Amino acid sequence: MNVQRQVLRKSKRDRILAGVCGGLGEFFGISPFWFRLAMFIAFIPGGVPGILIYLIAMVMIPSE
């Protein structure tokens, strides 16, 4: 049995800033719109929580 393993990577095709939300969308098999919406909502209360989450993901998730 040959099982392909899904790997989390930043997207080069579906990116707005660094490709974090596009990569998360590809990994989970859903539209990156939902991750972008969640990041936007995290930016609303002063910006710090959302920016911190995005920067950590940007550094930790490797590129394609």
Protein backbone atom coordinates (compact mmCIF):
# COMPACT_ATOMS: atom_id res chain seq x y z
CA MET A 1 0.00 0.00 0.00
CA ASN A 2 1.50 3.34 -1.11
CA VAL A 3 0.27 6.20 1.07
CA GLN A 4 1.28 9.73 0.13
CA ARG A 5 2.15 11.80 3.17
CA GLN A 6 0.91 15.39 3.28
CA VAL A 7 3.56 17.93 4.32
CA LEU A 8 2.86 21.44 5.58
CA ARG A 9 4.65 24.01 3.41
CA LYS A 10 4.17 27.70 2.57
CA SER A 11 2.46 28.00 -0.80
CA LYS A 12 4.26 29.57 -3.76
CA ARG A 13 1.10 29.55 -5.91
CA ASP A 14 -1.56 30.81 -3.51
CA ARG A 15 0.10 33.57 -1.56
CA ILE A 16 -0.64 37.13 -0.58
CA LEU A 17 2.20 37.86 1.87
CA ALA A 18 4.36 34.86 2.69
CA GLY A 19 2.12 31.95 1.62
CA VAL A 20 1.29 30.82 5.16
CA CYS A 21 -2.51 30.79 4.72
CA GLY A 22 -2.24 29.26 1.25
CA GLY A 23 -0.04 26.49 2.61
CA LEU A 24 -2.40 25.83 5.51
CA GLY A 25 -5.31 25.66 3.07
CA GLU A 26 -3.49 23.13 0.87
CA PHE A 27 -2.48 21.05 3.90
CA PHE A 28 -5.98 20.86 5.37
CA GLY A 29 -7.75 20.69 1.99
CA ILE A 30 -9.91 23.78 2.48
CA SER A 31 -9.96 27.24 1.00
CA PRO A 32 -7.16 29.56 2.21
CA PHE A 33 -9.88 32.20 2.55
CA TRP A 34 -10.86 30.71 5.93
CA PHE A 35 -7.31 30.94 7.26
CA ARG A 36 -7.03 34.50 5.97
CA LEU A 37 -10.31 35.37 7.67
CA ALA A 38 -9.08 33.86 10.95
CA MET A 39 -5.82 35.86 10.69
CA PHE A 40 -7.81 39.01 9.98
CA ILE A 41 -9.98 38.41 13.04
CA ALA A 42 -6.81 37.83 15.11
CA PHE A 43 -5.45 41.21 13.86
CA ILE A 44 -8.52 43.12 15.10
CA PRO A 45 -7.82 43.25 18.89
CA GLY A 46 -4.81 45.53 18.61
CA GLY A 47 -3.01 43.54 15.91
CA VAL A 48 -0.40 41.95 18.19
CA PRO A 49 -1.98 38.46 18.54
CA GLY A 50 -2.48 38.09 14.80
CA ILE A 51 0.90 39.47 13.81
CA LEU A 52 2.66 37.26 16.35
CA ILE A 53 0.86 34.12 15.16
CA TYR A 54 1.58 34.93 11.51
CA LEU A 55 5.27 35.73 12.12
CA ILE A 56 5.79 32.51 14.08
CA ALA A 57 4.11 30.50 11.31
CA MET A 58 6.12 32.34 8.66
CA VAL A 59 9.39 31.40 10.36
CA MET A 60 8.49 27.82 11.32
CA ILE A 61 6.73 26.58 8.16
CA PRO A 62 9.24 25.76 5.38
CA SER A 63 8.73 26.90 1.78
CA GLU A 64 7.73 24.58 -1.07
